[in-house]
N, C-alpha and C. Protein backbone atom coordinates (compact mmCIF):
# COMPACT_ATOMS: atom_id res chain seq x y z
N UNK A 1 0.93 -1.24 0.02
CA UNK A 1 -0.01 0.03 -0.04
C UNK A 1 0.89 1.25 -0.03
N UNK A 2 0.42 2.23 -0.74
CA UNK A 2 1.27 3.33 -0.78
C UNK A 2 0.59 4.42 0.17
N UNK A 3 1.15 5.58 0.26
CA UNK A 3 0.60 6.57 1.24
C UNK A 3 -0.76 7.10 0.86
N UNK A 4 -1.10 7.01 -0.45
CA UNK A 4 -2.41 7.58 -0.95
C UNK A 4 -3.46 6.54 -0.93
N UNK A 5 -3.22 5.27 -0.62
CA UNK A 5 -4.26 4.30 -0.74
C UNK A 5 -4.86 4.04 0.68
N UNK A 6 -5.51 5.06 1.18
CA UNK A 6 -6.18 4.90 2.47
C UNK A 6 -7.57 4.43 2.28
N UNK A 7 -8.34 4.45 3.34
CA UNK A 7 -9.70 4.01 3.31
C UNK A 7 -10.49 5.16 2.63
N UNK A 8 -11.28 4.69 1.58
CA UNK A 8 -12.03 5.72 0.88
C UNK A 8 -13.50 5.20 0.67
N UNK A 9 -14.49 6.10 0.70
CA UNK A 9 -15.83 5.85 0.51
C UNK A 9 -16.27 6.59 -0.82
N UNK A 10 -16.63 5.89 -1.87
CA UNK A 10 -17.05 6.49 -3.14
C UNK A 10 -18.39 5.95 -3.60
N UNK A 11 -19.53 6.41 -3.06
CA UNK A 11 -20.85 5.84 -3.44
C UNK A 11 -21.11 5.95 -4.93
N UNK A 12 -20.51 6.89 -5.60
CA UNK A 12 -20.68 7.05 -7.11
C UNK A 12 -20.25 5.88 -7.84
N UNK A 13 -19.29 5.02 -7.26
CA UNK A 13 -18.82 3.93 -7.90
C UNK A 13 -19.84 2.77 -8.06
N UNK A 14 -20.98 2.88 -7.19
CA UNK A 14 -21.98 1.83 -7.20
C UNK A 14 -22.64 1.81 -8.62
N UNK A 15 -22.75 2.99 -9.30
CA UNK A 15 -23.26 3.08 -10.64
C UNK A 15 -22.50 2.25 -11.64
N UNK A 16 -21.16 2.15 -11.35
CA UNK A 16 -20.28 1.45 -12.29
C UNK A 16 -20.22 -0.05 -12.19
N UNK A 17 -20.95 -0.55 -11.07
CA UNK A 17 -20.94 -1.93 -10.83
C UNK A 17 -21.90 -2.65 -11.83
N UNK A 18 -21.38 -3.64 -12.61
CA UNK A 18 -22.27 -4.26 -13.54
C UNK A 18 -23.32 -5.22 -12.81
N UNK A 19 -24.46 -5.32 -13.32
CA UNK A 19 -25.55 -6.16 -12.79
C UNK A 19 -24.96 -7.59 -12.54
N UNK A 20 -24.17 -8.09 -13.47
CA UNK A 20 -23.67 -9.47 -13.46
C UNK A 20 -22.91 -9.60 -12.12
N UNK A 21 -22.07 -8.59 -11.77
CA UNK A 21 -21.30 -8.70 -10.69
C UNK A 21 -22.19 -8.70 -9.37
N UNK A 22 -23.15 -7.89 -9.34
CA UNK A 22 -24.11 -7.85 -8.20
C UNK A 22 -24.78 -9.19 -8.00
N UNK A 23 -25.20 -9.79 -9.25
CA UNK A 23 -25.94 -11.05 -9.15
C UNK A 23 -24.98 -12.14 -8.63
N UNK A 24 -23.75 -12.05 -9.06
CA UNK A 24 -22.77 -13.16 -8.55
C UNK A 24 -22.56 -13.07 -7.07
N UNK A 25 -22.32 -11.78 -6.65
CA UNK A 25 -22.18 -11.63 -5.18
C UNK A 25 -23.40 -12.05 -4.35
N UNK A 26 -24.64 -11.65 -4.86
CA UNK A 26 -25.80 -12.03 -4.12
C UNK A 26 -25.99 -13.56 -4.15
N UNK A 27 -25.72 -14.21 -5.28
CA UNK A 27 -25.94 -15.65 -5.30
C UNK A 27 -24.95 -16.43 -4.45
N UNK A 28 -23.73 -15.94 -4.50
CA UNK A 28 -22.69 -16.59 -3.67
C UNK A 28 -23.03 -16.42 -2.16
N UNK A 29 -23.44 -15.20 -1.75
CA UNK A 29 -23.83 -14.94 -0.37
C UNK A 29 -24.92 -15.76 0.07
N UNK A 30 -25.97 -15.90 -0.89
CA UNK A 30 -27.20 -16.75 -0.58
C UNK A 30 -26.75 -18.20 -0.36
N UNK A 31 -25.90 -18.67 -1.27
CA UNK A 31 -25.41 -20.08 -1.16
C UNK A 31 -24.69 -20.40 0.11
N UNK A 32 -23.82 -19.48 0.56
CA UNK A 32 -23.07 -19.67 1.74
C UNK A 32 -24.09 -19.67 2.93
N UNK A 33 -25.13 -18.81 2.87
CA UNK A 33 -26.04 -18.75 4.01
C UNK A 33 -26.87 -20.00 4.09
N UNK A 34 -27.25 -20.57 2.92
CA UNK A 34 -27.98 -21.83 2.89
C UNK A 34 -27.08 -22.97 3.49
N UNK A 35 -25.84 -23.03 3.03
CA UNK A 35 -24.99 -24.04 3.57
C UNK A 35 -24.78 -23.88 5.05
N UNK A 36 -24.65 -22.63 5.57
CA UNK A 36 -24.60 -22.44 7.01
C UNK A 36 -25.80 -22.89 7.80
N UNK A 37 -27.02 -22.65 7.17
CA UNK A 37 -28.21 -23.15 7.75
C UNK A 37 -28.23 -24.70 7.83
N UNK A 38 -27.82 -25.31 6.71
CA UNK A 38 -27.82 -26.81 6.68
C UNK A 38 -26.80 -27.37 7.74
N UNK A 39 -25.63 -26.77 7.75
CA UNK A 39 -24.62 -27.22 8.75
C UNK A 39 -25.22 -27.04 10.19
N UNK A 40 -25.82 -25.92 10.43
CA UNK A 40 -26.47 -25.69 11.72
C UNK A 40 -27.59 -26.72 12.07
N UNK A 41 -28.31 -27.16 11.04
CA UNK A 41 -29.32 -28.18 11.29
C UNK A 41 -28.79 -29.51 11.57
N UNK A 42 -27.69 -29.84 10.94
CA UNK A 42 -27.17 -31.23 11.09
C UNK A 42 -26.07 -31.28 12.31
N UNK A 43 -25.31 -30.16 12.49
CA UNK A 43 -24.22 -30.31 13.51
C UNK A 43 -24.40 -29.22 14.59
N UNK A 44 -25.43 -28.45 14.55
CA UNK A 44 -25.80 -27.57 15.69
C UNK A 44 -25.40 -26.14 15.37
N UNK A 45 -25.92 -25.20 16.12
CA UNK A 45 -25.80 -23.76 15.88
C UNK A 45 -24.31 -23.33 15.98
N UNK A 46 -23.46 -23.90 16.72
CA UNK A 46 -22.05 -23.48 16.84
C UNK A 46 -21.43 -23.64 15.50
N UNK A 47 -21.59 -24.89 15.02
CA UNK A 47 -20.95 -25.19 13.66
C UNK A 47 -21.54 -24.33 12.56
N UNK A 48 -22.90 -24.14 12.59
CA UNK A 48 -23.47 -23.26 11.64
C UNK A 48 -23.05 -21.82 11.69
N UNK A 49 -22.79 -21.33 12.97
CA UNK A 49 -22.31 -19.98 13.11
C UNK A 49 -20.93 -19.78 12.48
N UNK A 50 -20.02 -20.77 12.56
CA UNK A 50 -18.75 -20.70 12.01
C UNK A 50 -18.87 -20.49 10.51
N UNK A 51 -19.78 -21.20 9.94
CA UNK A 51 -19.94 -21.00 8.48
C UNK A 51 -20.58 -19.63 8.16
N UNK A 52 -21.37 -19.10 9.00
CA UNK A 52 -21.87 -17.76 8.77
C UNK A 52 -20.82 -16.68 8.93
N UNK A 53 -19.77 -16.95 9.68
CA UNK A 53 -18.71 -16.08 9.86
C UNK A 53 -17.86 -15.95 8.63
N UNK A 54 -18.00 -16.96 7.70
CA UNK A 54 -17.23 -16.92 6.42
C UNK A 54 -17.67 -15.66 5.63
N UNK A 55 -16.60 -14.90 5.24
CA UNK A 55 -17.03 -13.78 4.43
C UNK A 55 -17.68 -14.16 3.12
N UNK A 56 -19.03 -14.24 3.04
CA UNK A 56 -19.73 -14.89 1.99
C UNK A 56 -19.44 -14.29 0.60
N UNK A 57 -19.24 -12.94 0.52
CA UNK A 57 -19.06 -12.36 -0.77
C UNK A 57 -17.65 -12.13 -1.11
N UNK A 58 -16.71 -12.46 -0.23
CA UNK A 58 -15.29 -12.07 -0.48
C UNK A 58 -14.76 -12.79 -1.70
N UNK A 59 -14.90 -14.21 -1.81
CA UNK A 59 -14.35 -14.88 -2.91
C UNK A 59 -14.96 -14.40 -4.26
N UNK A 60 -16.30 -14.16 -4.31
CA UNK A 60 -16.78 -13.61 -5.59
C UNK A 60 -16.33 -12.24 -5.91
N UNK A 61 -16.21 -11.38 -4.88
CA UNK A 61 -15.66 -10.10 -5.01
C UNK A 61 -14.32 -10.03 -5.56
N UNK A 62 -13.43 -10.78 -4.88
CA UNK A 62 -12.02 -10.82 -5.35
C UNK A 62 -11.85 -11.30 -6.76
N UNK A 63 -12.67 -12.36 -7.17
CA UNK A 63 -12.68 -12.85 -8.53
C UNK A 63 -13.12 -11.82 -9.52
N UNK A 64 -14.13 -11.02 -9.20
CA UNK A 64 -14.60 -9.96 -10.02
C UNK A 64 -13.64 -8.77 -10.08
N UNK A 65 -12.98 -8.45 -8.99
CA UNK A 65 -12.06 -7.32 -9.02
C UNK A 65 -10.89 -7.75 -9.94
N UNK A 66 -10.36 -8.98 -9.68
CA UNK A 66 -9.21 -9.35 -10.57
C UNK A 66 -9.55 -9.42 -12.06
N UNK A 67 -10.78 -9.93 -12.35
CA UNK A 67 -11.27 -9.95 -13.73
C UNK A 67 -11.44 -8.71 -14.32
N UNK A 68 -11.99 -7.69 -13.50
CA UNK A 68 -12.29 -6.40 -14.12
C UNK A 68 -10.97 -5.59 -14.22
N UNK A 69 -10.05 -5.68 -13.30
CA UNK A 69 -8.90 -4.87 -13.28
C UNK A 69 -7.79 -5.44 -14.09
N UNK A 70 -7.89 -6.81 -14.35
CA UNK A 70 -6.77 -7.45 -15.01
C UNK A 70 -5.43 -7.35 -14.33
N UNK A 71 -5.52 -7.27 -13.04
CA UNK A 71 -4.34 -7.22 -12.20
C UNK A 71 -4.65 -7.81 -10.82
N UNK A 72 -3.74 -8.27 -10.06
CA UNK A 72 -3.89 -8.85 -8.85
C UNK A 72 -3.88 -7.79 -7.72
N UNK A 73 -3.18 -6.68 -7.84
CA UNK A 73 -2.97 -5.82 -6.82
C UNK A 73 -4.25 -5.37 -6.09
N UNK A 74 -5.32 -4.94 -6.75
CA UNK A 74 -6.59 -4.48 -6.06
C UNK A 74 -7.12 -5.71 -5.29
N UNK A 75 -7.16 -6.90 -5.83
CA UNK A 75 -7.65 -8.14 -5.16
C UNK A 75 -6.86 -8.31 -3.89
N UNK A 76 -5.47 -8.26 -4.03
CA UNK A 76 -4.57 -8.49 -2.88
C UNK A 76 -4.83 -7.57 -1.79
N UNK A 77 -5.13 -6.21 -2.05
CA UNK A 77 -5.43 -5.22 -1.16
C UNK A 77 -6.74 -5.60 -0.33
N UNK A 78 -7.73 -6.02 -1.19
CA UNK A 78 -8.97 -6.46 -0.55
C UNK A 78 -8.84 -7.57 0.34
N UNK A 79 -8.00 -8.58 0.07
CA UNK A 79 -7.70 -9.77 0.80
C UNK A 79 -7.14 -9.26 2.16
N UNK A 80 -6.07 -8.40 2.02
CA UNK A 80 -5.41 -7.87 3.24
C UNK A 80 -6.39 -7.17 4.14
N UNK A 81 -7.24 -6.30 3.53
CA UNK A 81 -8.29 -5.73 4.42
C UNK A 81 -9.25 -6.67 5.10
N UNK A 82 -9.63 -7.70 4.34
CA UNK A 82 -10.53 -8.72 4.92
C UNK A 82 -9.86 -9.42 6.07
N UNK A 83 -8.56 -9.77 5.90
CA UNK A 83 -7.89 -10.48 7.04
C UNK A 83 -7.80 -9.60 8.21
N UNK A 84 -7.45 -8.31 8.02
CA UNK A 84 -7.30 -7.42 9.17
C UNK A 84 -8.65 -7.23 9.82
N UNK A 85 -9.71 -7.08 9.00
CA UNK A 85 -11.09 -6.87 9.55
C UNK A 85 -11.55 -8.15 10.29
N UNK A 86 -11.17 -9.27 9.71
CA UNK A 86 -11.64 -10.58 10.34
C UNK A 86 -10.84 -10.68 11.67
N UNK A 87 -9.74 -10.26 11.76
CA UNK A 87 -8.98 -10.34 13.05
C UNK A 87 -9.65 -9.55 14.11
N UNK A 88 -10.09 -8.39 13.65
CA UNK A 88 -10.94 -7.43 14.57
C UNK A 88 -12.19 -8.14 14.98
N UNK A 89 -12.86 -8.84 14.05
CA UNK A 89 -14.07 -9.61 14.37
C UNK A 89 -13.91 -10.69 15.32
N UNK A 90 -12.74 -11.35 15.40
CA UNK A 90 -12.34 -12.35 16.39
C UNK A 90 -12.35 -11.71 17.71
N UNK A 91 -11.76 -10.44 17.82
CA UNK A 91 -11.61 -9.73 19.01
C UNK A 91 -13.05 -9.34 19.49
N UNK A 92 -13.94 -8.91 18.54
CA UNK A 92 -15.36 -8.64 18.81
C UNK A 92 -16.04 -9.85 19.47
N UNK A 93 -15.91 -11.02 18.82
CA UNK A 93 -16.48 -12.24 19.39
C UNK A 93 -15.99 -12.61 20.77
N UNK A 94 -14.70 -12.45 20.95
CA UNK A 94 -14.14 -12.84 22.25
C UNK A 94 -14.74 -11.85 23.32
N UNK A 95 -14.83 -10.58 22.99
CA UNK A 95 -15.40 -9.59 24.00
C UNK A 95 -16.86 -9.97 24.35
N UNK A 96 -17.64 -10.22 23.26
CA UNK A 96 -19.06 -10.68 23.52
C UNK A 96 -19.11 -11.92 24.36
N UNK A 97 -18.35 -12.95 24.03
CA UNK A 97 -18.29 -14.16 24.81
C UNK A 97 -17.90 -13.90 26.28
N UNK A 98 -16.87 -13.06 26.47
CA UNK A 98 -16.37 -12.85 27.85
C UNK A 98 -17.26 -11.96 28.67
N UNK A 99 -18.07 -11.10 28.01
CA UNK A 99 -18.85 -10.04 28.75
C UNK A 99 -20.33 -10.24 28.79
N UNK A 100 -20.89 -11.18 27.93
CA UNK A 100 -22.28 -11.18 27.65
C UNK A 100 -23.03 -11.59 28.97
N UNK A 101 -22.49 -12.42 29.77
CA UNK A 101 -23.27 -12.76 31.04
C UNK A 101 -22.97 -11.77 32.12
N UNK A 102 -22.11 -10.78 32.02
CA UNK A 102 -21.75 -9.90 33.09
C UNK A 102 -22.27 -8.52 33.06
N UNK A 103 -22.52 -8.07 31.80
CA UNK A 103 -22.94 -6.65 31.53
C UNK A 103 -24.23 -6.61 30.73
N UNK A 104 -24.90 -5.49 30.69
CA UNK A 104 -26.07 -5.36 29.77
C UNK A 104 -25.69 -5.52 28.27
N UNK A 105 -26.54 -6.00 27.55
CA UNK A 105 -26.30 -6.33 26.09
C UNK A 105 -25.90 -5.04 25.29
N UNK A 106 -26.49 -3.89 25.45
CA UNK A 106 -26.04 -2.73 24.68
C UNK A 106 -24.64 -2.30 25.03
N UNK A 107 -24.25 -2.49 26.29
CA UNK A 107 -22.93 -2.04 26.70
C UNK A 107 -21.86 -3.14 26.15
N UNK A 108 -22.23 -4.44 26.19
CA UNK A 108 -21.41 -5.42 25.62
C UNK A 108 -21.16 -5.15 24.09
N UNK A 109 -22.22 -4.88 23.40
CA UNK A 109 -22.13 -4.71 21.96
C UNK A 109 -21.23 -3.45 21.72
N UNK A 110 -21.50 -2.43 22.53
CA UNK A 110 -20.66 -1.19 22.27
C UNK A 110 -19.19 -1.37 22.53
N UNK A 111 -18.91 -2.10 23.61
CA UNK A 111 -17.51 -2.34 24.00
C UNK A 111 -16.89 -3.29 22.90
N UNK A 112 -17.63 -4.37 22.47
CA UNK A 112 -17.03 -5.21 21.50
C UNK A 112 -16.83 -4.45 20.06
N UNK A 113 -17.74 -3.66 19.77
CA UNK A 113 -17.59 -2.85 18.57
C UNK A 113 -16.36 -1.91 18.63
N UNK A 114 -16.21 -1.24 19.73
CA UNK A 114 -15.00 -0.41 19.95
C UNK A 114 -13.79 -1.24 19.92
N UNK A 115 -13.71 -2.42 20.46
CA UNK A 115 -12.57 -3.30 20.43
C UNK A 115 -12.21 -3.72 19.03
N UNK A 116 -13.29 -4.05 18.27
CA UNK A 116 -13.05 -4.37 16.92
C UNK A 116 -12.49 -3.19 16.09
N UNK A 117 -12.98 -1.98 16.30
CA UNK A 117 -12.54 -0.88 15.56
C UNK A 117 -11.04 -0.55 15.89
N UNK A 118 -10.71 -0.59 17.24
CA UNK A 118 -9.35 -0.27 17.72
C UNK A 118 -8.41 -1.35 17.15
N UNK A 119 -8.74 -2.55 17.23
CA UNK A 119 -7.84 -3.63 16.68
C UNK A 119 -7.66 -3.65 15.21
N UNK A 120 -8.80 -3.48 14.47
CA UNK A 120 -8.73 -3.53 13.00
C UNK A 120 -7.96 -2.23 12.57
N UNK A 121 -8.30 -1.09 13.15
CA UNK A 121 -7.61 0.08 12.79
C UNK A 121 -6.11 0.07 13.14
N UNK A 122 -5.77 -0.48 14.21
CA UNK A 122 -4.32 -0.53 14.60
C UNK A 122 -3.59 -1.47 13.71
N UNK A 123 -4.23 -2.55 13.39
CA UNK A 123 -3.58 -3.58 12.39
C UNK A 123 -3.48 -2.94 11.08
N UNK A 124 -4.38 -2.22 10.67
CA UNK A 124 -4.40 -1.44 9.39
C UNK A 124 -3.25 -0.51 9.29
N UNK A 125 -3.26 0.37 10.29
CA UNK A 125 -2.18 1.45 10.27
C UNK A 125 -0.77 0.80 10.58
N UNK A 126 -0.69 -0.22 11.41
CA UNK A 126 0.53 -0.92 11.59
C UNK A 126 1.10 -1.60 10.36
N UNK A 127 0.11 -2.07 9.55
CA UNK A 127 0.53 -2.77 8.30
C UNK A 127 1.03 -1.88 7.21
N UNK A 128 0.45 -0.62 7.27
CA UNK A 128 0.90 0.40 6.25
C UNK A 128 2.29 0.75 6.49
C-alpha cells in the first residue's frame, strides 16, 4: 500500500458496478447462507455460526475485481483488508463471549464494537 491508498468511500462507484457482478455476489452470499443453515441443522448452531462467519461475498468479489482490473494488486489489497477486519471480528466475538453474562447487552455490543474498531484500525495502520 502506498501513502495515498487509504480508506475511501465513493458511493458514485456503485453506478459502475455491472448487474452481473451484483448477481454473482448475491448468489454466492445466498449459497453460503444456505450451507450455513444446513450445517447448523445437522451439526448444531455453533458449527452453523462458524460458516456464517465466512465472508460470503469475499471470494466472488475478489474474482470480479481481478477479472475487471486485469491485475492482482486490487484483489490482494482487498484480501489484506478482509484479514485485518476478520482479526478485529475475532476480538469482537471474544469480547461478547467474555462479557455477555456480566454486563447489559447494549454495553457489551458497544465495547465489542469499539474493540473491533481499535484492533482493526491498529492492524491497518501498523501494516501500512
